N, C-alpha and C. Protein backbone atom coordinates (compact mmCIF):
# COMPACT_ATOMS: atom_id res chain seq x y z
N MET A 1 131.17 43.48 -41.46
CA MET A 1 131.15 43.10 -40.06
C MET A 1 130.66 41.67 -39.89
N ALA A 2 129.54 41.36 -40.55
CA ALA A 2 128.97 40.02 -40.41
C ALA A 2 129.90 38.96 -41.01
N GLN A 3 130.56 39.32 -42.13
CA GLN A 3 131.46 38.36 -42.76
C GLN A 3 132.65 38.04 -41.86
N SER A 4 133.17 39.05 -41.20
CA SER A 4 134.32 38.79 -40.32
C SER A 4 133.90 37.94 -39.13
N ALA A 5 132.68 38.17 -38.63
CA ALA A 5 132.19 37.34 -37.52
C ALA A 5 132.02 35.90 -37.97
N LEU A 6 131.50 35.71 -39.18
CA LEU A 6 131.32 34.36 -39.72
C LEU A 6 132.67 33.68 -39.93
N ARG A 7 133.65 34.43 -40.45
CA ARG A 7 134.98 33.86 -40.63
C ARG A 7 135.57 33.44 -39.29
N GLY A 8 135.34 34.26 -38.26
CA GLY A 8 135.84 33.93 -36.92
C GLY A 8 135.24 32.63 -36.41
N LEU A 9 133.94 32.45 -36.61
CA LEU A 9 133.29 31.21 -36.19
C LEU A 9 133.83 30.01 -36.95
N CYS A 10 134.00 30.19 -38.26
CA CYS A 10 134.50 29.08 -39.07
C CYS A 10 135.93 28.71 -38.69
N SER A 11 136.76 29.72 -38.43
CA SER A 11 138.15 29.41 -38.08
C SER A 11 138.22 28.73 -36.71
N ARG A 12 137.32 29.13 -35.79
CA ARG A 12 137.29 28.45 -34.49
C ARG A 12 136.84 27.00 -34.66
N ALA A 13 135.88 26.78 -35.53
CA ALA A 13 135.41 25.41 -35.78
C ALA A 13 136.53 24.58 -36.39
N GLN A 14 137.32 25.17 -37.27
CA GLN A 14 138.43 24.46 -37.89
C GLN A 14 139.49 24.08 -36.86
N SER A 15 139.70 24.95 -35.85
CA SER A 15 140.73 24.66 -34.85
C SER A 15 140.35 23.47 -33.97
N PHE A 16 139.06 23.18 -33.86
CA PHE A 16 138.60 22.04 -33.06
C PHE A 16 138.39 20.80 -33.92
N ARG A 17 138.79 20.86 -35.14
CA ARG A 17 138.52 19.80 -36.11
C ARG A 17 139.01 18.43 -35.64
N LEU A 18 140.10 18.38 -34.93
CA LEU A 18 140.63 17.10 -34.48
C LEU A 18 139.76 16.48 -33.40
N PHE A 19 138.98 17.29 -32.71
CA PHE A 19 138.23 16.81 -31.56
C PHE A 19 136.74 16.62 -31.81
N VAL A 20 136.25 17.16 -32.89
CA VAL A 20 134.82 17.05 -33.20
C VAL A 20 134.64 16.55 -34.62
N VAL A 21 133.42 16.23 -34.95
CA VAL A 21 133.10 15.79 -36.30
C VAL A 21 133.41 16.93 -37.27
N PRO A 22 134.12 16.65 -38.36
CA PRO A 22 134.42 17.71 -39.32
C PRO A 22 133.13 18.37 -39.82
N GLN A 23 133.18 19.68 -39.96
CA GLN A 23 132.00 20.39 -40.43
C GLN A 23 132.40 21.54 -41.33
N ARG A 24 131.45 21.98 -42.10
CA ARG A 24 131.66 23.14 -42.95
C ARG A 24 130.76 24.26 -42.45
N CYS A 25 131.22 25.47 -42.60
CA CYS A 25 130.36 26.62 -42.32
C CYS A 25 129.79 27.07 -43.65
N HIS A 26 128.49 26.96 -43.78
CA HIS A 26 127.84 27.37 -45.02
C HIS A 26 126.40 27.74 -44.73
N SER A 27 125.76 28.27 -45.71
CA SER A 27 124.37 28.69 -45.57
C SER A 27 123.45 27.48 -45.60
N LEU A 28 122.39 27.54 -44.83
CA LEU A 28 121.38 26.48 -44.85
C LEU A 28 120.20 26.92 -45.72
N SER A 29 120.50 27.49 -46.87
CA SER A 29 119.43 27.99 -47.73
C SER A 29 118.67 26.87 -48.43
N ARG A 30 119.24 25.69 -48.51
CA ARG A 30 118.54 24.56 -49.10
C ARG A 30 118.05 23.64 -48.00
N PRO A 31 116.92 22.98 -48.23
CA PRO A 31 116.44 22.05 -47.20
C PRO A 31 117.42 20.90 -47.02
N LEU A 32 117.51 20.39 -45.81
CA LEU A 32 118.42 19.30 -45.52
C LEU A 32 117.95 18.00 -46.17
N PHE A 33 116.65 17.84 -46.31
CA PHE A 33 116.11 16.68 -47.00
C PHE A 33 114.80 17.09 -47.64
N LYS A 34 114.44 16.39 -48.68
CA LYS A 34 113.21 16.72 -49.40
C LYS A 34 112.06 15.91 -48.84
N LYS A 35 111.00 16.60 -48.45
CA LYS A 35 109.81 15.91 -47.97
C LYS A 35 109.04 15.37 -49.17
N GLU A 36 108.57 14.15 -49.03
CA GLU A 36 107.83 13.50 -50.11
C GLU A 36 106.42 14.05 -50.21
N ASP A 37 105.89 14.05 -51.44
CA ASP A 37 104.49 14.41 -51.66
C ASP A 37 103.59 13.28 -51.22
N VAL A 38 102.45 13.63 -50.67
CA VAL A 38 101.43 12.66 -50.25
C VAL A 38 100.12 13.09 -50.90
N GLU A 39 99.50 12.18 -51.64
CA GLU A 39 98.24 12.50 -52.31
C GLU A 39 97.07 12.35 -51.35
N VAL A 40 96.17 13.34 -51.41
CA VAL A 40 94.98 13.36 -50.56
C VAL A 40 93.79 13.76 -51.42
N THR A 41 92.64 13.13 -51.20
CA THR A 41 91.41 13.52 -51.87
C THR A 41 90.38 13.92 -50.83
N PHE A 42 89.86 15.12 -50.98
CA PHE A 42 88.78 15.61 -50.13
C PHE A 42 87.47 15.42 -50.88
N ILE A 43 86.51 14.75 -50.26
CA ILE A 43 85.21 14.51 -50.88
C ILE A 43 84.19 15.44 -50.21
N LYS A 44 83.68 16.39 -50.99
CA LYS A 44 82.66 17.31 -50.46
C LYS A 44 81.34 16.57 -50.32
N ALA A 45 80.42 17.13 -49.55
CA ALA A 45 79.10 16.53 -49.35
C ALA A 45 78.36 16.38 -50.68
N SER A 46 78.65 17.25 -51.64
CA SER A 46 78.02 17.18 -52.96
C SER A 46 78.54 16.00 -53.78
N GLY A 47 79.61 15.37 -53.31
CA GLY A 47 80.22 14.26 -54.04
C GLY A 47 81.44 14.69 -54.85
N GLU A 48 81.65 16.00 -54.96
CA GLU A 48 82.81 16.51 -55.70
C GLU A 48 84.09 16.05 -55.01
N ALA A 49 84.99 15.47 -55.79
CA ALA A 49 86.28 15.01 -55.28
C ALA A 49 87.36 16.02 -55.65
N ILE A 50 88.09 16.45 -54.66
CA ILE A 50 89.19 17.39 -54.87
C ILE A 50 90.49 16.66 -54.57
N LYS A 51 91.22 16.31 -55.63
CA LYS A 51 92.50 15.62 -55.47
C LYS A 51 93.60 16.66 -55.36
N THR A 52 94.47 16.46 -54.40
CA THR A 52 95.56 17.40 -54.18
C THR A 52 96.74 16.68 -53.54
N LYS A 53 97.78 17.44 -53.26
CA LYS A 53 98.97 16.88 -52.62
C LYS A 53 99.40 17.75 -51.47
N GLY A 54 100.00 17.11 -50.49
CA GLY A 54 100.63 17.80 -49.38
C GLY A 54 102.01 17.21 -49.19
N LYS A 55 102.75 17.75 -48.28
CA LYS A 55 104.09 17.23 -47.96
C LYS A 55 104.03 16.44 -46.67
N GLU A 56 104.92 15.46 -46.56
CA GLU A 56 105.03 14.72 -45.31
C GLU A 56 105.18 15.71 -44.16
N GLY A 57 104.43 15.47 -43.09
CA GLY A 57 104.49 16.35 -41.93
C GLY A 57 103.43 17.43 -41.93
N ASP A 58 102.87 17.77 -43.10
CA ASP A 58 101.79 18.75 -43.16
C ASP A 58 100.55 18.18 -42.51
N SER A 59 99.77 19.03 -41.86
CA SER A 59 98.47 18.59 -41.36
C SER A 59 97.48 18.67 -42.53
N LEU A 60 96.34 18.01 -42.38
CA LEU A 60 95.31 18.11 -43.43
C LEU A 60 94.80 19.54 -43.54
N LEU A 61 94.81 20.28 -42.45
CA LEU A 61 94.46 21.70 -42.52
C LEU A 61 95.48 22.45 -43.37
N ASP A 62 96.77 22.16 -43.19
CA ASP A 62 97.82 22.78 -44.02
C ASP A 62 97.58 22.50 -45.50
N VAL A 63 97.18 21.28 -45.82
CA VAL A 63 96.95 20.90 -47.22
C VAL A 63 95.84 21.76 -47.82
N VAL A 64 94.75 21.94 -47.08
CA VAL A 64 93.64 22.77 -47.56
C VAL A 64 94.10 24.21 -47.78
N VAL A 65 94.80 24.76 -46.80
CA VAL A 65 95.26 26.15 -46.88
C VAL A 65 96.31 26.33 -47.98
N ASN A 66 97.31 25.47 -48.01
CA ASN A 66 98.42 25.62 -48.96
C ASN A 66 97.99 25.43 -50.41
N ASN A 67 96.91 24.68 -50.63
CA ASN A 67 96.42 24.44 -51.99
C ASN A 67 95.19 25.28 -52.33
N ASN A 68 94.86 26.23 -51.47
CA ASN A 68 93.72 27.13 -51.69
C ASN A 68 92.44 26.38 -52.03
N ILE A 69 92.17 25.32 -51.29
CA ILE A 69 90.95 24.54 -51.52
C ILE A 69 89.79 25.27 -50.85
N ASP A 70 88.72 25.45 -51.61
CA ASP A 70 87.56 26.19 -51.12
C ASP A 70 86.62 25.28 -50.34
N LEU A 71 86.82 25.24 -49.03
CA LEU A 71 85.93 24.52 -48.13
C LEU A 71 85.41 25.56 -47.14
N ASP A 72 84.18 26.00 -47.34
CA ASP A 72 83.61 27.11 -46.60
C ASP A 72 83.75 26.95 -45.09
N GLY A 73 84.45 27.89 -44.46
CA GLY A 73 84.60 27.91 -43.01
C GLY A 73 85.62 26.95 -42.44
N PHE A 74 86.26 26.16 -43.27
CA PHE A 74 87.19 25.12 -42.82
C PHE A 74 88.41 25.75 -42.15
N GLY A 75 88.73 25.27 -40.95
CA GLY A 75 89.95 25.71 -40.27
C GLY A 75 89.90 27.12 -39.73
N ALA A 76 88.74 27.53 -39.25
CA ALA A 76 88.55 28.91 -38.80
C ALA A 76 89.53 29.33 -37.70
N CYS A 77 89.91 28.41 -36.83
CA CYS A 77 90.81 28.78 -35.72
C CYS A 77 92.29 28.61 -36.09
N GLU A 78 92.55 28.22 -37.34
CA GLU A 78 93.91 28.07 -37.86
C GLU A 78 94.72 27.02 -37.12
N GLY A 79 94.05 25.97 -36.66
CA GLY A 79 94.77 24.85 -36.05
C GLY A 79 95.05 24.98 -34.58
N THR A 80 94.36 25.88 -33.89
CA THR A 80 94.61 26.07 -32.45
C THR A 80 93.73 25.17 -31.59
N LEU A 81 92.99 24.28 -32.21
CA LEU A 81 92.15 23.30 -31.51
C LEU A 81 91.07 23.97 -30.66
N THR A 82 90.42 24.98 -31.28
CA THR A 82 89.37 25.69 -30.55
C THR A 82 88.06 25.82 -31.32
N CYS A 83 87.89 25.12 -32.46
CA CYS A 83 86.67 25.38 -33.22
C CYS A 83 85.95 24.17 -33.79
N SER A 84 86.57 23.13 -34.18
CA SER A 84 86.01 21.93 -34.82
C SER A 84 85.60 22.12 -36.28
N THR A 85 85.98 23.23 -36.91
CA THR A 85 85.59 23.46 -38.31
C THR A 85 86.40 22.64 -39.31
N CYS A 86 87.47 22.01 -38.88
CA CYS A 86 88.26 21.15 -39.78
C CYS A 86 87.91 19.68 -39.57
N HIS A 87 86.69 19.43 -39.09
CA HIS A 87 86.19 18.07 -38.88
C HIS A 87 86.17 17.32 -40.21
N LEU A 88 86.75 16.14 -40.22
CA LEU A 88 86.78 15.28 -41.40
C LEU A 88 86.35 13.88 -41.00
N ILE A 89 85.81 13.15 -41.98
CA ILE A 89 85.37 11.78 -41.73
C ILE A 89 86.22 10.84 -42.58
N PHE A 90 86.82 9.86 -41.93
CA PHE A 90 87.74 8.92 -42.58
C PHE A 90 87.04 7.59 -42.85
N LYS A 91 87.53 6.89 -43.87
CA LYS A 91 87.12 5.50 -44.07
C LYS A 91 87.69 4.71 -42.90
N GLN A 92 87.01 3.65 -42.52
CA GLN A 92 87.43 2.88 -41.34
C GLN A 92 88.88 2.40 -41.45
N ASN A 93 89.26 1.85 -42.62
CA ASN A 93 90.63 1.32 -42.74
C ASN A 93 91.67 2.44 -42.66
N ASP A 94 91.36 3.63 -43.21
CA ASP A 94 92.29 4.76 -43.09
C ASP A 94 92.35 5.26 -41.65
N PHE A 95 91.19 5.31 -41.00
CA PHE A 95 91.13 5.73 -39.60
C PHE A 95 92.00 4.82 -38.73
N ASP A 96 91.94 3.53 -38.99
CA ASP A 96 92.73 2.56 -38.22
C ASP A 96 94.23 2.73 -38.45
N GLU A 97 94.62 3.30 -39.59
CA GLU A 97 96.04 3.49 -39.93
C GLU A 97 96.62 4.79 -39.37
N LEU A 98 95.78 5.67 -38.84
CA LEU A 98 96.30 6.93 -38.32
C LEU A 98 97.26 6.65 -37.18
N PRO A 99 98.44 7.27 -37.21
CA PRO A 99 99.48 6.93 -36.24
C PRO A 99 99.19 7.36 -34.81
N GLU A 100 98.43 8.42 -34.65
CA GLU A 100 98.20 8.93 -33.30
C GLU A 100 96.72 8.90 -32.97
N LYS A 101 96.42 8.58 -31.75
CA LYS A 101 95.04 8.60 -31.27
C LYS A 101 94.67 10.03 -30.89
N PRO A 102 93.38 10.37 -30.94
CA PRO A 102 92.98 11.74 -30.59
C PRO A 102 93.23 12.04 -29.11
N THR A 103 93.62 13.27 -28.85
CA THR A 103 93.83 13.72 -27.47
C THR A 103 92.47 14.05 -26.85
N ASP A 104 92.45 14.23 -25.55
CA ASP A 104 91.21 14.63 -24.87
C ASP A 104 90.69 15.96 -25.41
N GLU A 105 91.61 16.89 -25.71
CA GLU A 105 91.22 18.19 -26.24
C GLU A 105 90.55 18.04 -27.60
N GLU A 106 91.11 17.18 -28.46
CA GLU A 106 90.50 16.95 -29.77
C GLU A 106 89.13 16.31 -29.61
N LEU A 107 89.01 15.33 -28.73
CA LEU A 107 87.72 14.67 -28.51
C LEU A 107 86.67 15.67 -28.00
N ASP A 108 87.08 16.59 -27.14
CA ASP A 108 86.16 17.62 -26.66
C ASP A 108 85.64 18.48 -27.81
N MET A 109 86.52 18.84 -28.73
CA MET A 109 86.10 19.63 -29.89
C MET A 109 85.22 18.81 -30.83
N LEU A 110 85.56 17.55 -31.01
CA LEU A 110 84.75 16.69 -31.88
C LEU A 110 83.33 16.52 -31.34
N ASP A 111 83.17 16.53 -30.04
CA ASP A 111 81.83 16.42 -29.44
C ASP A 111 80.92 17.54 -29.91
N LEU A 112 81.49 18.66 -30.33
CA LEU A 112 80.71 19.82 -30.78
C LEU A 112 80.51 19.85 -32.29
N ALA A 113 81.14 18.91 -33.01
CA ALA A 113 81.05 18.89 -34.47
C ALA A 113 79.73 18.29 -34.94
N TYR A 114 79.24 18.78 -36.08
CA TYR A 114 78.05 18.21 -36.71
C TYR A 114 78.45 16.96 -37.49
N GLU A 115 77.51 16.04 -37.65
CA GLU A 115 77.71 14.81 -38.43
C GLU A 115 78.86 13.95 -37.88
N LEU A 116 79.02 13.94 -36.59
CA LEU A 116 80.08 13.18 -35.94
C LEU A 116 79.90 11.68 -36.19
N THR A 117 81.00 11.00 -36.50
CA THR A 117 80.99 9.54 -36.70
C THR A 117 82.08 8.92 -35.84
N GLU A 118 82.12 7.60 -35.84
CA GLU A 118 83.17 6.88 -35.11
C GLU A 118 84.55 7.10 -35.74
N THR A 119 84.58 7.55 -36.99
CA THR A 119 85.85 7.75 -37.69
C THR A 119 86.13 9.23 -37.95
N SER A 120 85.56 10.10 -37.13
CA SER A 120 85.79 11.54 -37.25
C SER A 120 87.09 11.95 -36.57
N ARG A 121 87.79 12.88 -37.19
CA ARG A 121 88.98 13.50 -36.60
C ARG A 121 89.03 14.95 -37.07
N LEU A 122 89.83 15.74 -36.39
CA LEU A 122 90.05 17.12 -36.81
C LEU A 122 91.27 17.15 -37.73
N GLY A 123 91.11 17.80 -38.88
CA GLY A 123 92.18 17.86 -39.87
C GLY A 123 93.45 18.52 -39.37
N CYS A 124 93.31 19.42 -38.41
CA CYS A 124 94.51 20.10 -37.88
C CYS A 124 95.36 19.18 -37.02
N GLN A 125 94.82 18.01 -36.66
CA GLN A 125 95.54 17.08 -35.79
C GLN A 125 96.11 15.88 -36.53
N ILE A 126 95.87 15.80 -37.83
CA ILE A 126 96.34 14.66 -38.63
C ILE A 126 97.49 15.12 -39.51
N ASN A 127 98.67 14.57 -39.29
CA ASN A 127 99.85 14.91 -40.09
C ASN A 127 100.11 13.81 -41.11
N LEU A 128 100.42 14.26 -42.33
CA LEU A 128 100.64 13.32 -43.43
C LEU A 128 101.94 12.54 -43.27
N SER A 129 101.89 11.31 -43.75
CA SER A 129 103.07 10.46 -43.83
C SER A 129 102.93 9.64 -45.12
N LYS A 130 104.02 9.01 -45.54
CA LYS A 130 103.97 8.16 -46.74
C LYS A 130 102.88 7.11 -46.62
N LYS A 131 102.68 6.62 -45.41
CA LYS A 131 101.69 5.57 -45.16
C LYS A 131 100.28 6.03 -45.51
N LEU A 132 100.03 7.34 -45.48
CA LEU A 132 98.70 7.88 -45.77
C LEU A 132 98.54 8.30 -47.23
N ASN A 133 99.51 8.00 -48.08
CA ASN A 133 99.42 8.36 -49.49
C ASN A 133 98.16 7.75 -50.11
N GLY A 134 97.38 8.58 -50.82
CA GLY A 134 96.14 8.11 -51.43
C GLY A 134 94.93 8.26 -50.52
N LEU A 135 95.10 8.90 -49.39
CA LEU A 135 94.04 9.08 -48.40
C LEU A 135 92.84 9.80 -49.01
N GLU A 136 91.63 9.32 -48.68
CA GLU A 136 90.38 9.99 -49.03
C GLU A 136 89.66 10.34 -47.75
N VAL A 137 89.24 11.60 -47.63
CA VAL A 137 88.49 12.03 -46.46
C VAL A 137 87.23 12.76 -46.90
N LYS A 138 86.16 12.55 -46.15
CA LYS A 138 84.89 13.20 -46.44
C LYS A 138 84.77 14.47 -45.61
N VAL A 139 84.33 15.53 -46.27
CA VAL A 139 84.08 16.80 -45.59
C VAL A 139 82.59 16.86 -45.28
N PRO A 140 82.20 17.01 -44.01
CA PRO A 140 80.78 17.06 -43.68
C PRO A 140 80.06 18.21 -44.40
N SER A 141 78.74 18.07 -44.56
CA SER A 141 77.98 19.09 -45.29
C SER A 141 77.84 20.39 -44.50
N THR A 142 77.90 20.32 -43.19
CA THR A 142 77.82 21.53 -42.36
C THR A 142 78.93 21.51 -41.32
N ILE A 143 79.31 22.70 -40.90
CA ILE A 143 80.34 22.81 -39.86
C ILE A 143 79.77 23.55 -38.67
N ASN A 144 80.39 23.34 -37.54
CA ASN A 144 80.03 24.06 -36.33
C ASN A 144 81.28 24.70 -35.77
N ASP A 145 81.29 26.02 -35.74
CA ASP A 145 82.41 26.72 -35.14
C ASP A 145 82.18 26.78 -33.64
N ALA A 146 82.86 25.91 -32.91
CA ALA A 146 82.66 25.79 -31.47
C ALA A 146 82.98 27.07 -30.72
N ARG A 147 83.70 27.98 -31.33
CA ARG A 147 84.03 29.25 -30.67
C ARG A 147 82.78 30.11 -30.48
N SER A 148 81.75 29.87 -31.30
CA SER A 148 80.54 30.68 -31.19
C SER A 148 79.42 29.95 -30.45
N SER A 149 79.72 28.76 -29.90
CA SER A 149 78.70 27.98 -29.18
C SER A 149 78.51 28.48 -27.77
């Protein structure tokens, strides 16, 4: 049944071939383009450096989760911007390179974070790009889950 429906769609697309951009009917099982790896280093309060990789477009929270990095309590709200547990501290030059400025909602959550600095951001709000390759971020020694405040 499904195959005949697919054939019907493909044959209709072929009949309009003169009027639209030529196309093929096929499965999209492969990605349309490959996202580049971006290297990130998380520096724990102990000084331990955890080097890892994420994909372009991943948030720093995604990188921690996808690579099973053990950062106690990190990302408790799973990126819903309700906790401040993914608070990270950036070097000034890296902070200046971040493409997007923090929203009012992010700033409200950061106000509740421990060890807040001028270069603090929430990891769930920072998406990787090639420009951020080699990024180093410091993980504060303590976290504050704003949901329990």
